[in-house]
Amino acid sequence: MMSYSIYYSLFPFFCFLLIIISTNCLAKTTFHPKTLFLAVKKDPSSLQYITEIQQRTPLVPLKLAIHLAGDSLWVDCENGYKSSTYKPSRCKSRQCKLASTTQCGECLLGFVQRGPGCNKDACYNHVENPLVEILTSGEIAEDVLSIQSINESFPGPVATIPKFIFSCAGSYVTQDLGKDVKGTVGFGHQSAVSVPAQFASAFKFSRKFAICLSSSTERNGIIFIGNSPYLLNSGIDASRDLIYTPILTSPYDIVRDKKSSEYYIKVSSISINGKNVPLNKTLLSLKNGFGTSISTAVPYTIMLPSIYNAITKAFVNEMPKEVRSVPPVEPFTTCFNSRDIGISRLGFNAPEINVALDKKNVNWRITGANSLVKVNEDVICLAFVERRTRDWGQGIVIGAYQMQDNLVEFDLSRRRIGFSNSLFFRQTMCSNQNYT
């Protein structure tokens, strides 16, 4: 689909030839990594997960937010984008077709002067800030992009795509993404220009990636792009014993005029301490316009009011009677006295939430480490949030907090998502790795 070269090292090569006035010789070494990785850190202010990539010529480090459902990588081009290898994509070009857009124009972003993000006869696609739901257009372009590869259980050579397709946006689109964050990295499964799609095409490995989010704001988690194993410090391959469920696709994204890149899964029921929670199954069905999606942009799992009320009621009923309720702390409504709740290797002592997926005995277990959050020294709250828009949207959006210290694999080639359950069961965590 795309022809790329990867440059591991460049060094002078002297050539002695007669009757040649001048010669430039560079030896080019290629390698074919099986797995790449991105270090991921939790931003304490925005609660977004942030990574860093190297882009442009000369290479510049850029902080970008992870956007699981994003169709592409986009960056702020309005504020000081300089590169000798930037190339805008012309209308009806191959790059535009890969980005599935026919939108063409001239300087749609309203930039003051010509340059990156503002060129004649350029094509544009949608760029999105998922945190504040800003959706606008961005100029499609190519430039150099580099990330680290994996060499066994340690970082390997830098992997580079010289003509990585991305989008340019205005500075205002970065609103609330976090300090010094210049855009987002898109991992959407319906796009040929998402990060995993382009790297898989460039290096001929599986269209697959796995997210392992750290619960700490001080220690990095990791995203693996490419083939397993996904090794942790303890020698554990976090990809072993995954439970799999199919990726479901929303039929259509009206706003973007194409299929949605959101990751949906089938949730058939939810139980707490083995007791089934009575839920309106209509709200769990994607066919009815609701369903369950997974999002790294949402800090905590969001639920429609009837689901939220049923879950919180059942959870409170299963808490030990000596645990006292306390006034709510925004954005949470169900909170407890922290002195009444103990802690174990699985996190806070809490009723176990069991999310039943598409088949019998395929369950995602949520323990206290992912169901309760400490908001201050005195208060611990149930880490779920009621959806403010009451009459539309997904029934459940599984947020980043519930994914912390779980390995979640997205196998796009086989159209499935794998869940490890909490790595605490295996006495390890997402920050226990040698790569970042």
Protein backbone atom coordinates (compact mmCIF):
# COMPACT_ATOMS: atom_id res chain seq x y z
CA MET A 1 0.00 0.00 0.00
CA MET A 2 2.82 2.39 0.88
CA SER A 3 6.55 2.13 0.14
CA TYR A 4 8.73 3.32 2.97
CA SER A 5 12.44 3.19 3.89
CA ILE A 6 13.84 3.03 7.39
CA TYR A 7 17.16 4.61 8.19
CA TYR A 8 19.03 3.07 11.08
CA SER A 9 22.39 4.79 10.55
CA LEU A 10 23.94 7.17 8.04
CA PHE A 11 27.69 7.52 7.69
CA PRO A 12 30.07 9.01 5.07
CA PHE A 13 31.16 6.67 2.32
CA PHE A 14 34.07 7.81 0.22
CA CYS A 15 33.90 6.98 -3.41
CA PHE A 16 36.86 7.25 -5.74
CA LEU A 17 35.69 7.32 -9.33
CA LEU A 18 37.42 8.83 -12.35
CA ILE A 19 35.77 11.40 -14.58
CA ILE A 20 33.17 12.35 -11.86
CA ILE A 21 33.20 15.92 -10.68
CA SER A 22 31.33 15.34 -7.41
CA THR A 23 29.60 12.41 -5.69
CA ASN A 24 27.48 12.20 -2.53
CA CYS A 25 27.50 8.69 -1.05
CA LEU A 26 25.46 7.57 1.94
CA ALA A 27 25.30 3.99 3.09
CA LYS A 28 21.77 3.00 4.00
CA THR A 29 21.05 0.19 6.46
CA THR A 30 17.56 -1.18 6.77
CA PHE A 31 16.00 -3.24 9.54
CA HIS A 32 12.56 -4.67 10.08
CA PRO A 33 11.34 -4.32 13.67
CA LYS A 34 8.60 -6.65 14.85
CA THR A 35 7.45 -4.41 17.70
CA LEU A 36 7.62 -0.69 18.46
CA PHE A 37 6.69 1.13 21.63
CA LEU A 38 5.59 4.48 23.02
CA ALA A 39 6.16 5.57 26.60
CA VAL A 40 2.89 6.83 28.11
CA LYS A 41 2.51 9.05 31.18
CA LYS A 42 -0.62 10.17 32.99
CA ASP A 43 -0.94 13.97 33.05
CA PRO A 44 -1.96 14.96 36.61
CA SER A 45 -3.96 18.03 35.53
CA SER A 46 -5.95 16.81 32.51
CA LEU A 47 -5.85 13.07 33.48
CA GLN A 48 -5.03 12.39 29.82
CA TYR A 49 -2.39 9.86 28.82
CA ILE A 50 0.50 11.56 27.04
CA THR A 51 3.27 10.18 24.85
CA GLU A 52 6.18 11.71 22.98
CA ILE A 53 7.20 11.20 19.36
CA GLN A 54 9.98 12.65 17.22
CA GLN A 55 8.83 14.44 14.07
CA ARG A 56 10.17 16.76 11.32
CA THR A 57 13.63 17.59 9.94
CA PRO A 58 15.52 18.22 12.10
CA LEU A 59 13.64 15.95 14.55
CA VAL A 60 11.63 17.72 17.25
CA PRO A 61 10.14 15.96 20.33
CA LEU A 62 6.37 16.45 20.55
CA LYS A 63 4.02 15.67 23.41
CA LEU A 64 0.76 14.18 22.13
CA ALA A 65 -2.34 12.82 23.86
CA ILE A 66 -3.44 9.25 23.18
CA HIS A 67 -6.77 9.11 21.34
CA LEU A 68 -7.89 5.52 20.95
CA ALA A 69 -10.64 6.34 18.44
CA GLY A 70 -8.65 8.97 16.53
CA ASP A 71 -8.37 8.48 12.78
CA SER A 72 -4.92 10.04 12.46
CA LEU A 73 -2.05 11.77 14.17
CA TRP A 74 -2.52 15.53 14.21
CA VAL A 75 -0.35 18.34 15.52
CA ASP A 76 -0.51 22.07 16.08
CA CYS A 77 1.03 23.59 12.93
CA GLU A 78 0.02 27.15 13.72
CA ASN A 79 2.59 27.65 16.44
CA GLY A 80 6.13 27.37 15.04
CA TYR A 81 6.05 24.30 12.82
CA LYS A 82 9.41 24.23 10.97
CA SER A 83 10.66 21.34 8.86
CA SER A 84 12.63 20.96 5.63
CA THR A 85 10.75 17.75 4.79
CA TYR A 86 7.14 18.90 5.25
CA LYS A 87 5.05 18.15 2.18
CA PRO A 88 1.34 19.05 1.91
CA SER A 89 -0.95 16.54 0.23
CA ARG A 90 -2.56 17.86 -2.92
CA CYS A 91 -6.24 17.42 -3.68
CA LYS A 92 -7.12 13.94 -5.03
CA SER A 93 -3.63 12.60 -4.22
CA ARG A 94 -2.91 9.11 -2.89
CA GLN A 95 -2.52 10.54 0.62
CA CYS A 96 -5.99 12.06 0.48
CA LYS A 97 -7.49 8.78 -0.67
CA LEU A 98 -5.77 6.90 2.16
CA ALA A 99 -7.23 9.42 4.60
CA SER A 100 -10.68 8.80 3.03
CA THR A 101 -11.35 12.42 2.24
CA THR A 102 -12.47 14.39 -0.78
CA GLN A 103 -12.48 17.70 1.10
CA CYS A 104 -10.23 20.16 -0.71
CA GLY A 105 -9.57 23.86 -0.33
CA GLU A 106 -7.07 26.55 0.41
CA CYS A 107 -6.05 27.53 3.91
CA LEU A 108 -9.25 26.32 5.58
CA LEU A 109 -7.70 26.82 9.01
CA GLY A 110 -7.51 30.58 8.61
CA PHE A 111 -3.75 30.77 9.05
CA VAL A 112 -2.25 34.19 8.45
CA GLN A 113 0.53 33.10 6.10
CA ARG A 114 1.49 30.25 3.79
CA GLY A 115 3.30 27.28 5.25
CA PRO A 116 2.49 24.07 7.13
CA GLY A 117 -1.29 23.94 7.50
CA CYS A 118 -1.90 26.60 4.86
CA ASN A 119 -1.24 25.62 1.24
CA LYS A 120 -2.94 25.86 -2.12
CA ASP A 121 -5.01 22.96 -3.45
CA ALA A 122 -4.59 20.95 -0.24
CA CYS A 123 -6.87 18.22 1.06
CA TYR A 124 -8.27 18.14 4.58
CA ASN A 125 -9.67 15.63 7.03
CA HIS A 126 -11.35 15.83 10.42
CA VAL A 127 -9.17 16.40 13.47
CA GLU A 128 -10.64 16.06 16.92
CA ASN A 129 -9.92 17.08 20.48
CA PRO A 130 -11.86 14.34 22.31
CA LEU A 131 -11.58 16.01 25.69
CA VAL A 132 -13.61 19.11 24.83
CA GLU A 133 -15.30 17.63 21.73
CA ILE A 134 -13.74 20.07 19.28
CA LEU A 135 -14.03 18.81 15.71
CA THR A 136 -12.50 20.77 12.85
CA SER A 137 -10.49 20.31 9.63
CA GLY A 138 -6.77 19.80 9.25
CA GLU A 139 -4.46 19.93 6.25
CA ILE A 140 -3.18 16.45 5.36
CA ALA A 141 0.59 16.32 4.93
CA GLU A 142 3.68 14.10 5.11
CA ASP A 143 6.80 14.45 7.23
CA VAL A 144 9.43 12.38 9.00
CA LEU A 145 8.28 10.54 12.14
CA SER A 146 10.35 8.34 14.47
CA ILE A 147 9.60 6.12 17.46
CA GLN A 148 11.57 3.47 19.35
CA SER A 149 11.67 -0.22 18.47
CA ILE A 150 12.03 -3.18 20.84
CA ASN A 151 15.12 -5.40 20.86
CA GLU A 152 14.13 -8.46 22.90
CA SER A 153 13.35 -7.02 26.36
CA PHE A 154 15.12 -3.68 25.86
CA PRO A 155 14.79 -0.60 23.63
CA GLY A 156 16.14 -1.13 20.14
CA PRO A 157 16.97 1.18 17.20
CA VAL A 158 14.79 4.12 16.27
CA ALA A 159 12.25 3.28 13.58
CA THR A 160 11.54 6.04 11.07
CA ILE A 161 8.91 6.59 8.41
CA PRO A 162 10.19 9.39 6.13
CA LYS A 163 6.73 10.20 4.76
CA PHE A 164 4.34 9.67 7.63
CA ILE A 165 0.85 10.97 6.84
CA PHE A 166 -0.60 13.28 9.50
CA SER A 167 -2.81 16.36 9.83
CA CYS A 168 -2.12 20.00 10.69
CA ALA A 169 -4.50 21.82 13.03
CA GLY A 170 -4.76 25.23 14.67
CA SER A 171 -3.43 25.89 18.17
CA TYR A 172 -6.94 26.25 19.63
CA VAL A 173 -7.65 22.54 19.04
CA THR A 174 -5.11 21.61 21.76
CA GLN A 175 -7.35 23.16 24.43
CA ASP A 176 -7.24 21.29 27.79
CA LEU A 177 -5.17 18.37 26.46
CA GLY A 178 -2.42 19.00 29.02
CA LYS A 179 0.66 21.16 29.49
CA ASP A 180 2.72 21.52 26.29
CA VAL A 181 0.62 18.90 24.47
CA LYS A 182 0.62 19.66 20.74
CA GLY A 183 -1.95 17.23 19.36
CA THR A 184 -3.16 13.63 19.53
CA VAL A 185 -2.02 10.20 18.37
CA GLY A 186 -4.90 8.34 16.71
CA PHE A 187 -5.31 4.55 16.99
CA GLY A 188 -8.70 4.22 15.27
CA HIS A 189 -9.47 0.91 13.58
CA GLN A 190 -11.30 2.28 10.52
CA SER A 191 -8.45 4.44 9.23
CA ALA A 192 -5.55 3.62 6.91
CA VAL A 193 -3.59 6.59 8.30
CA SER A 194 -3.87 5.77 12.02
CA VAL A 195 -0.57 5.20 13.80
CA PRO A 196 -0.81 1.36 14.00
CA ALA A 197 -2.00 1.12 10.38
CA GLN A 198 0.90 3.15 8.97
CA PHE A 199 3.60 1.42 11.00
CA ALA A 200 2.18 -2.03 10.22
CA SER A 201 2.19 -1.16 6.53
CA ALA A 202 5.72 0.26 6.68
CA PHE A 203 7.34 -2.64 8.50
CA LYS A 204 5.05 -5.50 7.45
CA PHE A 205 3.98 -6.64 10.90
CA SER A 206 0.52 -7.36 12.28
CA ARG A 207 -1.99 -4.53 12.63
CA LYS A 208 -2.00 -4.88 16.38
CA PHE A 209 -1.22 -2.79 19.44
CA ALA A 210 -1.55 -3.17 23.19
CA ILE A 211 -2.08 -0.49 25.81
CA CYS A 212 -0.77 -0.80 29.36
CA LEU A 213 -1.61 2.36 31.32
CA SER A 214 0.24 3.12 34.54
CA SER A 215 -1.78 4.21 37.56
CA SER A 216 1.07 6.50 38.61
CA THR A 217 1.69 10.04 37.38
CA GLU A 218 5.41 9.50 38.07
CA ARG A 219 6.07 6.18 36.32
CA ASN A 220 5.46 5.46 32.65
CA GLY A 221 3.12 2.95 31.15
CA ILE A 222 3.59 1.69 27.61
CA ILE A 223 1.90 1.11 24.27
CA PHE A 224 3.26 -1.79 22.21
CA ILE A 225 2.74 -1.49 18.45
CA GLY A 226 3.17 -4.72 16.53
CA ASN A 227 3.74 -8.30 17.60
CA SER A 228 3.75 -9.82 21.07
CA PRO A 229 5.28 -10.90 23.45
CA TYR A 230 4.79 -7.85 25.66
CA LEU A 231 7.39 -8.42 28.34
CA LEU A 232 7.42 -6.86 31.80
CA ASN A 233 10.38 -6.61 34.19
CA SER A 234 9.40 -9.73 36.07
CA GLY A 235 9.79 -11.78 32.89
CA ILE A 236 6.03 -12.00 32.54
CA ASP A 237 4.59 -11.90 29.04
CA ALA A 238 1.53 -9.74 29.63
CA SER A 239 -0.08 -11.05 26.44
CA ARG A 240 -0.51 -14.54 27.86
CA ASP A 241 -3.92 -15.63 29.12
CA LEU A 242 -5.79 -12.77 27.46
CA ILE A 243 -9.54 -13.14 27.15
CA TYR A 244 -10.82 -12.00 23.77
CA THR A 245 -14.01 -10.40 22.55
CA PRO A 246 -14.84 -9.14 19.03
CA ILE A 247 -14.44 -5.51 17.98
CA LEU A 248 -17.86 -4.18 17.10
CA THR A 249 -18.33 -1.24 14.76
CA SER A 250 -20.95 1.45 14.94
CA PRO A 251 -22.70 1.44 11.54
CA TYR A 252 -22.01 5.07 10.74
CA ASP A 253 -20.50 8.26 12.10
CA ILE A 254 -22.85 10.97 10.92
CA VAL A 255 -20.54 13.82 11.96
CA ARG A 256 -17.55 12.44 10.02
CA ASP A 257 -19.64 10.97 7.19
CA LYS A 258 -18.04 7.51 7.47
CA LYS A 259 -17.80 4.46 9.72
CA SER A 260 -16.89 5.20 13.31
CA SER A 261 -13.39 4.36 14.58
CA GLU A 262 -14.70 3.93 18.12
CA TYR A 263 -13.96 0.53 19.68
CA TYR A 264 -17.20 -1.14 20.74
CA ILE A 265 -17.54 -4.43 22.59
CA LYS A 266 -20.56 -6.51 23.53
CA VAL A 267 -21.45 -6.36 27.22
CA SER A 268 -24.17 -8.88 27.97
CA SER A 269 -24.47 -8.33 31.73
CA ILE A 270 -22.76 -6.95 34.83
CA SER A 271 -22.62 -8.60 38.23
CA ILE A 272 -21.25 -7.42 41.58
CA ASN A 273 -19.99 -10.02 44.03
CA GLY A 274 -21.61 -12.63 41.82
CA LYS A 275 -25.06 -11.01 41.93
CA ASN A 276 -26.51 -9.92 38.61
CA VAL A 277 -27.32 -6.20 38.34
CA PRO A 278 -30.73 -5.55 36.72
CA LEU A 279 -30.03 -3.46 33.62
CA ASN A 280 -32.02 -2.25 30.65
CA LYS A 281 -30.51 -4.52 27.96
CA THR A 282 -31.63 -2.10 25.25
CA LEU A 283 -28.99 0.35 26.50
CA LEU A 284 -26.31 -2.33 26.15
CA SER A 285 -27.12 -2.97 22.50
CA LEU A 286 -25.18 -1.25 19.73
CA LYS A 287 -27.98 -2.12 17.32
CA ASN A 288 -30.24 0.18 19.32
CA GLY A 289 -27.76 3.05 19.04
CA PHE A 290 -26.19 2.63 22.49
CA GLY A 291 -23.68 -0.13 23.30
CA THR A 292 -20.34 -0.08 25.13
CA SER A 293 -17.21 1.62 23.85
CA ILE A 294 -13.65 1.97 25.16
CA SER A 295 -11.96 5.37 25.40
CA THR A 296 -8.60 6.63 26.63
CA ALA A 297 -9.94 10.20 26.45
CA VAL A 298 -12.49 9.58 29.23
CA PRO A 299 -10.73 9.49 32.64
CA TYR A 300 -13.47 7.44 34.33
CA THR A 301 -16.14 5.10 32.98
CA ILE A 302 -19.31 6.96 31.99
CA MET A 303 -22.78 5.37 32.16
CA LEU A 304 -26.26 6.42 31.16
CA PRO A 305 -28.32 7.33 34.25
CA SER A 306 -30.35 4.11 34.57
CA ILE A 307 -27.22 1.93 34.25
CA TYR A 308 -25.27 4.17 36.60
CA ASN A 309 -28.00 4.16 39.25
CA ALA A 310 -28.34 0.36 39.11
CA ILE A 311 -24.58 -0.19 39.38
CA THR A 312 -24.04 2.28 42.24
CA LYS A 313 -26.99 0.89 44.22
CA ALA A 314 -25.76 -2.68 43.84
CA PHE A 315 -22.19 -1.68 44.73
CA VAL A 316 -23.25 0.14 47.90
CA ASN A 317 -25.38 -2.85 48.91
CA GLU A 318 -22.34 -5.13 48.63
CA MET A 319 -20.01 -2.90 50.62
CA PRO A 320 -19.44 -4.05 54.24
CA LYS A 321 -21.88 -2.41 56.63
CA GLU A 322 -19.06 -0.79 58.61
CA VAL A 323 -18.06 1.28 55.58
CA ARG A 324 -19.64 4.71 56.01
CA SER A 325 -20.94 6.79 53.11
CA VAL A 326 -19.82 10.43 52.93
CA PRO A 327 -20.96 13.45 50.86
CA PRO A 328 -20.08 13.20 47.15
CA VAL A 329 -17.00 14.80 45.61
CA GLU A 330 -17.32 15.97 42.01
CA PRO A 331 -17.52 14.34 39.52
CA PHE A 332 -18.45 11.33 41.67
CA THR A 333 -21.69 10.75 43.58
CA THR A 334 -20.92 7.58 45.56
CA CYS A 335 -18.20 8.11 48.14
CA PHE A 336 -16.97 6.45 51.33
CA ASN A 337 -14.89 7.17 54.40
CA SER A 338 -11.34 6.12 53.51
CA ARG A 339 -10.63 4.97 57.08
CA ASP A 340 -13.23 2.23 56.69
CA ILE A 341 -11.69 0.64 53.60
CA GLY A 342 -8.67 -1.62 53.72
CA ILE A 343 -6.21 -2.33 50.94
CA SER A 344 -4.64 -5.47 49.51
CA ARG A 345 -2.45 -6.40 46.53
CA LEU A 346 -5.58 -5.99 44.34
CA GLY A 347 -6.13 -2.43 45.51
CA PHE A 348 -8.88 -1.21 47.80
CA ASN A 349 -11.02 -3.90 49.43
CA ALA A 350 -14.17 -3.61 47.35
CA PRO A 351 -16.93 -5.75 45.84
CA GLU A 352 -15.73 -7.38 42.62
CA ILE A 353 -17.41 -6.10 39.46
CA ASN A 354 -17.68 -8.72 36.74
CA VAL A 355 -18.40 -7.56 33.18
CA ALA A 356 -19.72 -10.45 31.09
CA LEU A 357 -18.79 -10.10 27.42
CA ASP A 358 -19.94 -11.88 24.26
CA LYS A 359 -19.60 -15.50 25.39
CA LYS A 360 -20.15 -17.55 28.51
CA ASN A 361 -17.15 -17.47 30.85
CA VAL A 362 -15.62 -14.52 28.97
CA ASN A 363 -15.52 -11.94 31.75
CA TRP A 364 -13.56 -8.82 32.58
CA ARG A 365 -12.97 -8.58 36.34
CA ILE A 366 -12.74 -5.12 37.91
CA THR A 367 -11.22 -5.11 41.40
CA GLY A 368 -10.78 -2.29 43.91
CA ALA A 369 -7.70 -0.92 42.15
CA ASN A 370 -9.90 0.03 39.19
CA SER A 371 -13.31 0.56 40.82
CA LEU A 372 -12.43 2.93 43.67
CA VAL A 373 -10.37 6.14 43.52
CA LYS A 374 -8.92 8.11 46.43
CA VAL A 375 -9.91 11.77 45.98
CA ASN A 376 -8.39 13.04 49.24
CA GLU A 377 -7.06 11.70 52.53
CA ASP A 378 -10.56 11.15 53.92
CA VAL A 379 -12.63 10.14 50.89
CA ILE A 380 -12.64 7.25 48.42
CA CYS A 381 -15.23 7.23 45.62
CA LEU A 382 -16.67 4.77 43.13
CA ALA A 383 -14.76 5.65 39.95
CA PHE A 384 -17.78 5.79 37.64
CA VAL A 385 -19.51 8.92 36.34
CA GLU A 386 -23.11 9.51 35.26
CA ARG A 387 -23.52 10.67 31.66
CA ARG A 388 -24.84 14.22 31.62
CA THR A 389 -26.56 13.85 28.25
CA ARG A 390 -29.39 11.61 29.32
CA ASP A 391 -31.06 10.60 26.09
CA TRP A 392 -28.31 9.70 23.62
CA GLY A 393 -24.79 8.34 23.31
CA GLN A 394 -23.25 5.07 24.39
CA GLY A 395 -24.80 3.22 27.27
CA ILE A 396 -21.31 2.73 28.75
CA VAL A 397 -17.96 4.30 27.87
CA ILE A 398 -15.16 2.40 29.61
CA GLY A 399 -12.61 4.98 30.73
CA ALA A 400 -8.86 5.01 31.25
CA TYR A 401 -9.01 4.49 35.03
CA GLN A 402 -10.64 1.10 34.55
CA MET A 403 -7.85 0.18 32.07
CA GLN A 404 -4.96 1.08 34.39
CA ASP A 405 -2.59 -1.79 35.14
CA ASN A 406 -4.51 -4.00 32.75
CA LEU A 407 -3.02 -4.97 29.39
CA VAL A 408 -5.60 -4.35 26.66
CA GLU A 409 -4.65 -5.67 23.24
CA PHE A 410 -6.33 -4.39 20.05
CA ASP A 411 -5.84 -6.94 17.29
CA LEU A 412 -7.13 -5.13 14.21
CA SER A 413 -6.23 -7.92 11.79
CA ARG A 414 -8.36 -10.44 13.69
CA ARG A 415 -10.97 -7.87 14.76
CA ARG A 416 -10.75 -8.59 18.47
CA ILE A 417 -9.80 -7.02 21.81
CA GLY A 418 -7.98 -8.94 24.53
CA PHE A 419 -8.20 -8.18 28.27
CA SER A 420 -5.61 -9.38 30.78
CA ASN A 421 -7.62 -8.49 33.90
CA SER A 422 -5.60 -6.65 36.55
CA LEU A 423 -1.86 -7.33 36.37
CA PHE A 424 -1.93 -7.16 40.17
CA PHE A 425 -3.20 -10.76 40.03
CA ARG A 426 0.25 -11.59 38.61
CA GLN A 427 2.02 -9.34 41.12
CA THR A 428 3.16 -6.84 38.53
CA MET A 429 1.95 -3.59 36.93
CA CYS A 430 2.24 -1.56 33.73
CA SER A 431 5.15 0.55 34.99
CA ASN A 432 7.24 -2.59 35.53
CA GLN A 433 9.00 -2.67 32.17
CA ASN A 434 12.49 -1.90 30.88
CA TYR A 435 11.50 0.07 27.80
CA THR A 436 10.43 3.49 29.05
